[in-house]
Amino acid sequence: MGVAVLGSTGSVGQQSLDVIASLPDRFYVVALAARTLSERLIDQVTRFQPDIVSVYEAPPAGHGIANAMSGDHGLIAAATHRDAEIVVVATSGHAAIAPIVCAIEHGKTIALANKEALVCAGELIIPLAAEHGTWVRPVDSEHSAIWQALSGSPIDQVERILITASGGPFRATPGHEFATITVKEALAHPTWTMGGKITVDSATLMNKGLEVIEAHWLFGLPYDRIDVVVHPESVVHSLVEFVDGGLIAQFGLPDMRLPIQYALTYPDRVPRSGHRLDLAKLGPLNFEAPDEKRFPALRIAREAGLAGCTYPTVLSAADDEAVRAFLAGSLRFIDIPVVVSSVLDRHLPHVVSMESISAADAWARAIAKEEIIRTRR
């Protein structure tokens, strides 16, 4: 089965290629796409020999990759390769939306690890997939856990879904200490090794808020039936509660290769090597409600999802700019949700379309920069 991997040099992209390489009788790579040219991408091209290579930011002449494509055209060409049956979308940002739409229109199955796609354009993508007889398979560990726990159960038998959160590095930090949180402290995630942006989003719980919006579109449940529960051990990746009161949870070590493999091999379960979860050695498991007073980003994200239209796009873009400012040392950690909320308050929503998403994203980034300057005064 041919696979295209968009975002092949990032963490999820690399792990996706690890999974593909471990199953040579099932999969082969037909296209690779990355934002920039790097030694890692050159190594991947040498190893996997894809038909198409896309480097979003056009590389200089003589870069060592023959016939590399660039820009949106390159991304779309990779996503719609004639032999790609599955497209792994591991890029970040709303630039992934157009390739996803084109891939769906070509009948491709999407293995999705990009948050912005469903947060900003779930209203477009999910109905489009149904129209074209294909679907979006979640790669994110929490949504994969929900998908696995559902096991084909009709959605009208589901009471609610519970998305687990580790709580991040500040789960037990008193609120009055948030004003002095440093970048180094925010990047010290207790469970996962991730990029800077998603690690900070995990620390503010914005990441969970975005996952609530994604779950709404993936599973067709209203927001009042999607809850978040803090689970610091991070071995229960999410739970489904059914109308009869029964709960089904998906357990596993914090290893992204499991949900990646499941998204690729579904409906099959394929043996894989590596460490296994030993329940006898695990010890107690803890669950607690999130503190939305200390972590208001969770509430802000849920409200943006409920408001709909272009509010989720503004949420995502404003958060991106606020986190970028925090990582650059020009905004306090405690002010990230303040900036996001201020931008949302100034937004006049529009019906979701490719054009309105791009416009709302650009507007939100500009206004967020204004709010960051105002907050620093």
Protein backbone atom coordinates (compact mmCIF):
# COMPACT_ATOMS: atom_id res chain seq x y z
CA MET A 1 0.00 0.00 0.00
CA GLY A 2 1.42 3.37 -1.02
CA VAL A 3 1.75 6.05 1.66
CA ALA A 4 2.45 9.77 1.36
CA VAL A 5 3.93 11.42 4.45
CA LEU A 6 3.45 15.17 4.80
CA GLY A 7 5.72 16.61 7.49
CA SER A 8 8.17 13.73 7.24
CA THR A 9 11.02 15.42 9.13
CA GLY A 10 9.00 16.29 12.23
CA SER A 11 8.56 14.02 15.24
CA VAL A 12 5.34 12.31 14.07
CA GLY A 13 6.57 12.15 10.49
CA GLN A 14 9.78 10.40 11.52
CA GLN A 15 7.89 7.93 13.69
CA SER A 16 5.46 7.28 10.84
CA LEU A 17 8.39 6.37 8.60
CA ASP A 18 9.73 4.10 11.36
CA VAL A 19 6.40 2.26 11.37
CA ILE A 20 6.29 2.05 7.57
CA ALA A 21 9.87 0.71 7.48
CA SER A 22 8.96 -1.95 10.05
CA LEU A 23 6.14 -3.25 7.82
CA PRO A 24 7.74 -3.52 4.36
CA ASP A 25 5.30 -6.22 3.24
CA ARG A 26 2.39 -3.82 3.78
CA PHE A 27 3.62 -0.31 2.99
CA TYR A 28 5.95 1.69 0.80
CA VAL A 29 6.54 5.44 0.57
CA VAL A 30 5.39 7.23 -2.60
CA ALA A 31 5.79 10.86 -1.49
CA LEU A 32 7.55 12.88 1.19
CA ALA A 33 6.92 16.51 2.09
CA ALA A 34 8.74 18.81 4.51
CA ARG A 35 8.81 22.54 5.15
CA THR A 36 12.53 23.01 4.56
CA LEU A 37 15.43 21.15 3.05
CA SER A 38 17.53 19.34 5.66
CA GLU A 39 20.00 16.51 5.95
CA ARG A 40 17.20 14.50 7.55
CA LEU A 41 15.00 14.90 4.48
CA ILE A 42 17.88 14.00 2.15
CA ASP A 43 18.49 10.87 4.24
CA GLN A 44 14.78 9.98 4.06
CA VAL A 45 14.74 10.40 0.29
CA THR A 46 17.81 8.18 -0.03
CA ARG A 47 16.28 5.53 2.22
CA PHE A 48 12.69 5.44 0.96
CA GLN A 49 13.10 6.50 -2.70
CA PRO A 50 9.75 8.31 -3.06
CA ASP A 51 8.38 9.33 -6.46
CA ILE A 52 7.63 12.86 -5.24
CA VAL A 53 9.56 15.08 -2.84
CA SER A 54 8.06 18.40 -1.78
CA VAL A 55 10.03 21.09 0.05
CA TYR A 56 7.55 23.84 0.94
CA GLU A 57 10.16 26.59 1.08
CA ALA A 58 11.85 26.19 -2.30
CA PRO A 59 15.43 24.96 -1.82
CA PRO A 60 18.38 26.54 -3.66
CA ALA A 61 19.68 25.09 -6.90
CA GLY A 62 22.07 22.17 -6.55
CA HIS A 63 20.54 21.05 -3.26
CA GLY A 64 20.93 17.35 -3.95
CA ILE A 65 17.27 16.31 -4.43
CA ALA A 66 16.31 15.90 -8.07
CA ASN A 67 12.94 17.26 -9.24
CA ALA A 68 11.86 18.51 -5.80
CA MET A 69 8.58 20.43 -5.86
CA SER A 70 7.73 23.37 -3.61
CA GLY A 71 4.92 25.48 -2.16
CA ASP A 72 1.26 24.53 -2.02
CA HIS A 73 1.58 22.87 -5.43
CA GLY A 74 4.19 20.47 -4.09
CA LEU A 75 2.15 19.62 -1.00
CA ILE A 76 -0.94 18.91 -3.08
CA ALA A 77 1.03 16.82 -5.57
CA ALA A 78 2.39 14.70 -2.71
CA ALA A 79 -1.06 14.32 -1.12
CA THR A 80 -2.72 13.28 -4.39
CA HIS A 81 -0.05 10.92 -5.75
CA ARG A 82 -1.85 8.29 -7.82
CA ASP A 83 -0.41 5.39 -5.77
CA ALA A 84 -1.00 6.91 -2.32
CA GLU A 85 -3.85 5.09 -0.61
CA ILE A 86 -3.12 6.69 2.78
CA VAL A 87 -1.85 10.21 3.38
CA VAL A 88 -0.19 10.79 6.75
CA VAL A 89 -0.65 14.48 7.59
CA ALA A 90 1.98 15.32 10.20
CA THR A 91 2.53 18.93 9.21
CA SER A 92 1.56 21.82 11.46
CA GLY A 93 -0.51 24.86 10.57
CA HIS A 94 -3.52 25.48 8.38
CA ALA A 95 -1.41 25.10 5.21
CA ALA A 96 -2.29 21.39 5.51
CA ILE A 97 -5.99 22.03 4.91
CA ALA A 98 -5.80 22.41 1.11
CA PRO A 99 -3.76 19.20 0.60
CA ILE A 100 -6.17 17.31 2.87
CA VAL A 101 -9.17 18.55 0.89
CA CYS A 102 -7.52 17.61 -2.41
CA ALA A 103 -6.48 14.19 -1.09
CA ILE A 104 -10.04 13.48 0.07
CA GLU A 105 -11.41 14.55 -3.32
CA HIS A 106 -9.04 11.97 -4.84
CA GLY A 107 -10.42 9.26 -2.51
CA LYS A 108 -7.41 9.04 -0.19
CA THR A 109 -7.67 7.94 3.43
CA ILE A 110 -6.25 10.57 5.79
CA ALA A 111 -4.17 9.60 8.83
CA LEU A 112 -4.35 12.90 10.66
CA ALA A 113 -1.85 14.30 13.15
CA ASN A 114 -2.40 17.97 12.24
CA LYS A 115 -4.52 19.84 14.78
CA GLU A 116 -5.37 22.92 12.76
CA ALA A 117 -7.12 20.95 10.02
CA LEU A 118 -10.10 19.90 12.14
CA VAL A 119 -9.97 22.84 14.55
CA CYS A 120 -10.25 25.33 11.68
CA ALA A 121 -11.91 23.30 8.93
CA GLY A 122 -13.60 20.28 10.50
CA GLU A 123 -16.90 21.69 9.26
CA LEU A 124 -15.57 21.29 5.69
CA ILE A 125 -13.35 18.21 5.94
CA ILE A 126 -15.58 15.67 7.70
CA PRO A 127 -18.64 16.08 5.40
CA LEU A 128 -16.31 16.08 2.38
CA ALA A 129 -14.77 12.77 3.45
CA ALA A 130 -18.25 11.25 3.82
CA GLU A 131 -19.24 12.58 0.40
CA HIS A 132 -16.22 10.94 -1.25
CA GLY A 133 -16.53 7.63 0.59
CA THR A 134 -13.30 7.99 2.53
CA TRP A 135 -12.53 9.05 6.07
CA VAL A 136 -10.16 10.68 8.52
CA ARG A 137 -8.32 8.34 10.89
CA PRO A 138 -6.89 10.01 14.01
CA VAL A 139 -3.19 9.63 14.76
CA ASP A 140 -3.20 11.73 17.93
CA SER A 141 -2.98 9.32 20.88
CA GLU A 142 -6.10 10.61 22.66
CA HIS A 143 -8.35 10.52 19.61
CA SER A 144 -6.95 7.16 18.54
CA ALA A 145 -7.82 5.87 22.02
CA ILE A 146 -11.42 7.07 21.63
CA TRP A 147 -11.63 5.51 18.18
CA GLN A 148 -10.33 2.20 19.52
CA ALA A 149 -12.64 2.28 22.55
CA LEU A 150 -15.67 2.94 20.37
CA SER A 151 -14.93 -0.19 18.30
CA GLY A 152 -17.69 0.60 15.85
CA SER A 153 -20.37 1.26 18.49
CA PRO A 154 -23.20 3.51 17.24
CA ILE A 155 -22.66 7.05 18.43
CA ASP A 156 -26.18 7.14 19.94
CA GLN A 157 -24.98 4.54 22.46
CA VAL A 158 -22.27 6.90 23.72
CA GLU A 159 -23.01 9.02 26.78
CA ARG A 160 -19.77 11.01 26.61
CA ILE A 161 -16.09 10.76 25.84
CA LEU A 162 -13.32 11.67 28.27
CA ILE A 163 -10.04 12.98 26.90
CA THR A 164 -7.16 12.49 29.30
CA ALA A 165 -4.51 15.11 30.02
CA SER A 166 -1.27 14.62 31.90
CA GLY A 167 -1.81 18.00 33.51
CA GLY A 168 1.55 19.21 32.25
CA PRO A 169 4.46 20.42 34.36
CA PHE A 170 2.30 22.85 36.37
CA ARG A 171 -0.50 20.54 37.46
CA ALA A 172 0.38 21.11 41.13
CA THR A 173 1.79 24.63 40.78
CA PRO A 174 -0.16 27.28 42.75
CA GLY A 175 -1.78 29.92 40.58
CA HIS A 176 0.18 32.76 42.17
CA GLU A 177 3.41 31.26 40.80
CA PHE A 178 2.26 31.26 37.17
CA ALA A 179 3.49 34.83 36.65
CA THR A 180 7.11 33.72 37.05
CA ILE A 181 7.06 30.50 35.01
CA THR A 182 10.06 30.33 32.68
CA VAL A 183 10.37 28.94 29.17
CA LYS A 184 12.66 26.18 30.45
CA GLU A 185 10.07 25.14 33.04
CA ALA A 186 7.24 25.15 30.49
CA LEU A 187 9.21 22.94 28.10
CA ALA A 188 9.80 20.27 30.76
CA HIS A 189 6.81 18.05 29.94
CA PRO A 190 6.50 15.14 32.40
CA THR A 191 5.50 12.50 29.82
CA TRP A 192 5.99 13.35 26.15
CA THR A 193 8.95 14.68 24.16
CA MET A 194 7.48 17.14 21.65
CA GLY A 195 8.16 20.38 19.83
CA GLY A 196 8.16 23.69 21.67
CA LYS A 197 4.72 24.91 20.54
CA ILE A 198 2.78 21.77 21.47
CA THR A 199 4.73 21.42 24.74
CA VAL A 200 3.69 24.92 25.82
CA ASP A 201 0.12 24.21 24.70
CA SER A 202 0.19 21.13 26.91
CA ALA A 203 1.38 23.25 29.82
CA THR A 204 -1.48 25.76 29.40
CA LEU A 205 -4.00 22.97 28.58
CA MET A 206 -4.77 24.75 25.31
CA ASN A 207 -3.76 21.49 23.65
CA LYS A 208 -6.65 19.72 25.39
CA GLY A 209 -9.03 22.48 24.35
CA LEU A 210 -8.00 22.01 20.73
CA GLU A 211 -8.46 18.25 21.13
CA VAL A 212 -12.01 18.82 22.37
CA ILE A 213 -12.78 20.69 19.14
CA GLU A 214 -11.15 17.92 17.08
CA ALA A 215 -13.14 15.25 18.92
CA HIS A 216 -16.37 17.11 18.20
CA TRP A 217 -15.74 16.78 14.47
CA LEU A 218 -14.16 13.32 14.47
CA PHE A 219 -16.88 11.60 16.50
CA GLY A 220 -19.93 13.79 15.94
CA LEU A 221 -20.64 14.46 19.62
CA PRO A 222 -21.84 17.82 20.99
CA TYR A 223 -19.45 19.73 23.21
CA ASP A 224 -21.43 19.03 26.38
CA ARG A 225 -20.66 15.32 25.92
CA ILE A 226 -16.89 15.78 25.58
CA ASP A 227 -14.99 16.13 28.87
CA VAL A 228 -11.35 16.41 29.90
CA VAL A 229 -9.92 14.55 32.89
CA VAL A 230 -6.40 14.97 34.26
CA HIS A 231 -4.51 11.67 34.48
CA PRO A 232 -0.85 12.30 35.40
CA GLU A 233 0.36 8.74 34.78
CA SER A 234 -0.59 9.08 31.06
CA VAL A 235 -1.23 5.39 30.47
CA VAL A 236 -4.99 5.72 29.92
CA HIS A 237 -5.12 7.72 26.71
CA SER A 238 -8.88 8.38 26.72
CA LEU A 239 -12.17 6.79 27.74
CA VAL A 240 -15.65 6.30 26.34
CA GLU A 241 -18.68 6.18 28.64
CA PHE A 242 -21.72 4.45 27.19
CA VAL A 243 -25.38 5.10 27.93
CA ASP A 244 -25.57 2.06 30.21
CA GLY A 245 -22.85 3.52 32.45
CA GLY A 246 -20.06 1.26 31.21
CA LEU A 247 -16.63 2.80 30.60
CA ILE A 248 -14.08 1.53 28.09
CA ALA A 249 -10.53 2.88 28.29
CA GLN A 250 -7.52 2.40 26.04
CA PHE A 251 -4.27 1.77 27.94
CA GLY A 252 -0.77 1.95 26.51
CA LEU A 253 2.71 3.30 26.98
CA PRO A 254 3.21 6.90 25.80
CA ASP A 255 4.55 5.91 22.38
CA MET A 256 3.15 7.59 19.26
CA ARG A 257 4.11 4.63 17.08
CA LEU A 258 1.13 2.64 18.41
CA PRO A 259 -1.59 5.07 17.22
CA ILE A 260 0.34 5.69 14.00
CA GLN A 261 0.47 1.96 13.27
CA TYR A 262 -3.21 1.50 14.12
CA ALA A 263 -4.17 4.31 11.74
CA LEU A 264 -2.13 2.71 8.97
CA THR A 265 -3.11 -0.94 9.45
CA TYR A 266 -6.78 -0.59 10.49
CA PRO A 267 -8.82 -2.77 10.74
CA ASP A 268 -5.93 -5.15 11.36
CA ARG A 269 -3.87 -5.36 14.53
CA VAL A 270 -0.29 -6.08 13.52
CA PRO A 271 2.37 -7.39 15.94
CA ARG A 272 5.05 -4.89 16.90
CA SER A 273 8.13 -5.21 19.07
CA GLY A 274 9.08 -2.96 21.95
CA HIS A 275 8.17 -2.39 25.57
CA ARG A 276 4.71 -3.38 26.81
CA LEU A 277 2.65 -1.98 29.63
CA ASP A 278 2.99 -4.10 32.78
CA LEU A 279 -0.10 -3.44 34.90
CA ALA A 280 1.34 -5.29 37.89
CA LYS A 281 4.22 -2.80 38.05
CA LEU A 282 2.16 0.23 37.22
CA GLY A 283 0.93 1.23 40.65
CA PRO A 284 -2.01 3.54 41.37
CA LEU A 285 -3.74 5.48 38.61
CA ASN A 286 -5.03 8.95 39.43
CA PHE A 287 -7.77 11.01 37.83
CA GLU A 288 -8.89 14.53 38.70
CA ALA A 289 -10.90 17.37 37.20
CA PRO A 290 -8.90 20.11 35.45
CA ASP A 291 -8.64 23.43 37.28
CA GLU A 292 -10.01 25.89 34.73
CA LYS A 293 -9.27 28.82 37.02
CA ARG A 294 -5.52 28.16 36.78
CA PHE A 295 -5.81 26.86 33.21
CA PRO A 296 -8.41 29.10 31.50
CA ALA A 297 -7.22 28.10 28.02
CA LEU A 298 -9.34 24.95 28.25
CA ARG A 299 -12.52 26.98 28.80
CA ILE A 300 -11.55 29.54 26.13
CA ALA A 301 -11.04 26.80 23.54
CA ARG A 302 -14.33 25.10 24.36
CA GLU A 303 -16.19 28.42 24.04
CA ALA A 304 -14.54 29.08 20.68
CA GLY A 305 -15.61 25.65 19.49
CA LEU A 306 -19.18 26.24 20.63
CA ALA A 307 -19.24 29.63 18.90
CA GLY A 308 -18.15 27.99 15.66
CA CYS A 309 -17.68 29.86 12.38
CA THR A 310 -14.15 31.29 12.22
CA TYR A 311 -13.69 31.54 16.00
CA PRO A 312 -11.66 28.29 16.22
CA THR A 313 -9.31 29.56 13.49
CA VAL A 314 -8.79 32.77 15.44
CA LEU A 315 -8.22 30.74 18.61
CA SER A 316 -5.54 28.65 16.92
CA ALA A 317 -3.73 31.56 15.24
CA ALA A 318 -3.80 33.82 18.30
CA ASP A 319 -2.47 31.01 20.48
CA ASP A 320 0.30 30.34 17.97
CA GLU A 321 1.44 33.96 18.12
CA ALA A 322 1.16 34.13 21.92
CA VAL A 323 3.18 30.95 22.40
CA ARG A 324 5.77 32.20 19.94
CA ALA A 325 6.09 35.41 21.96
CA PHE A 326 6.42 33.44 25.20
CA LEU A 327 9.15 31.24 23.74
CA ALA A 328 10.94 34.38 22.56
CA GLY A 329 10.81 35.82 26.08
CA SER A 330 8.47 38.69 25.18
CA LEU A 331 5.29 37.44 26.92
CA ARG A 332 4.65 35.87 30.31
CA PHE A 333 3.25 32.35 30.49
CA ILE A 334 0.24 33.58 32.46
CA ASP A 335 -0.60 36.06 29.68
CA ILE A 336 -0.89 33.50 26.86
CA PRO A 337 -4.63 32.87 27.47
CA VAL A 338 -5.15 36.59 28.15
CA VAL A 339 -3.91 37.45 24.66
CA VAL A 340 -5.96 34.68 23.04
CA SER A 341 -9.14 35.75 24.84
CA SER A 342 -8.61 39.40 23.88
CA VAL A 343 -8.23 38.52 20.20
CA LEU A 344 -11.38 36.37 20.26
CA ASP A 345 -13.31 39.23 21.87
CA ARG A 346 -12.41 41.49 18.93
CA HIS A 347 -13.36 39.01 16.21
CA LEU A 348 -16.34 39.35 13.88
CA PRO A 349 -17.05 35.78 12.74
CA HIS A 350 -17.56 34.53 9.19
CA VAL A 351 -18.96 31.34 7.69
CA VAL A 352 -16.23 28.71 7.32
CA SER A 353 -14.62 28.47 3.88
CA MET A 354 -11.07 28.11 2.61
CA GLU A 355 -10.99 31.86 2.03
CA SER A 356 -12.46 32.85 5.39
CA ILE A 357 -10.03 30.54 7.23
CA SER A 358 -7.02 32.19 5.57
CA ALA A 359 -8.41 35.67 6.22
CA ALA A 360 -9.26 34.93 9.86
CA ASP A 361 -5.82 33.40 10.43
CA ALA A 362 -4.03 36.46 9.05
CA TRP A 363 -6.30 38.85 10.97
CA ALA A 364 -5.86 36.98 14.25
CA ARG A 365 -2.07 36.96 13.96
CA ALA A 366 -1.96 40.70 13.36
CA ILE A 367 -4.31 41.45 16.26
CA ALA A 368 -2.47 39.02 18.55
CA LYS A 369 0.76 40.93 17.95
CA GLU A 370 -1.05 44.13 18.95
CA GLU A 371 -2.39 42.47 22.10
CA ILE A 372 1.05 41.09 23.00
CA ILE A 373 2.51 44.59 22.87
CA ARG A 374 -0.42 45.97 24.89
CA THR A 375 -0.10 43.20 27.50
CA ARG A 376 3.60 43.91 28.01
CA ARG A 377 3.00 47.58 28.86
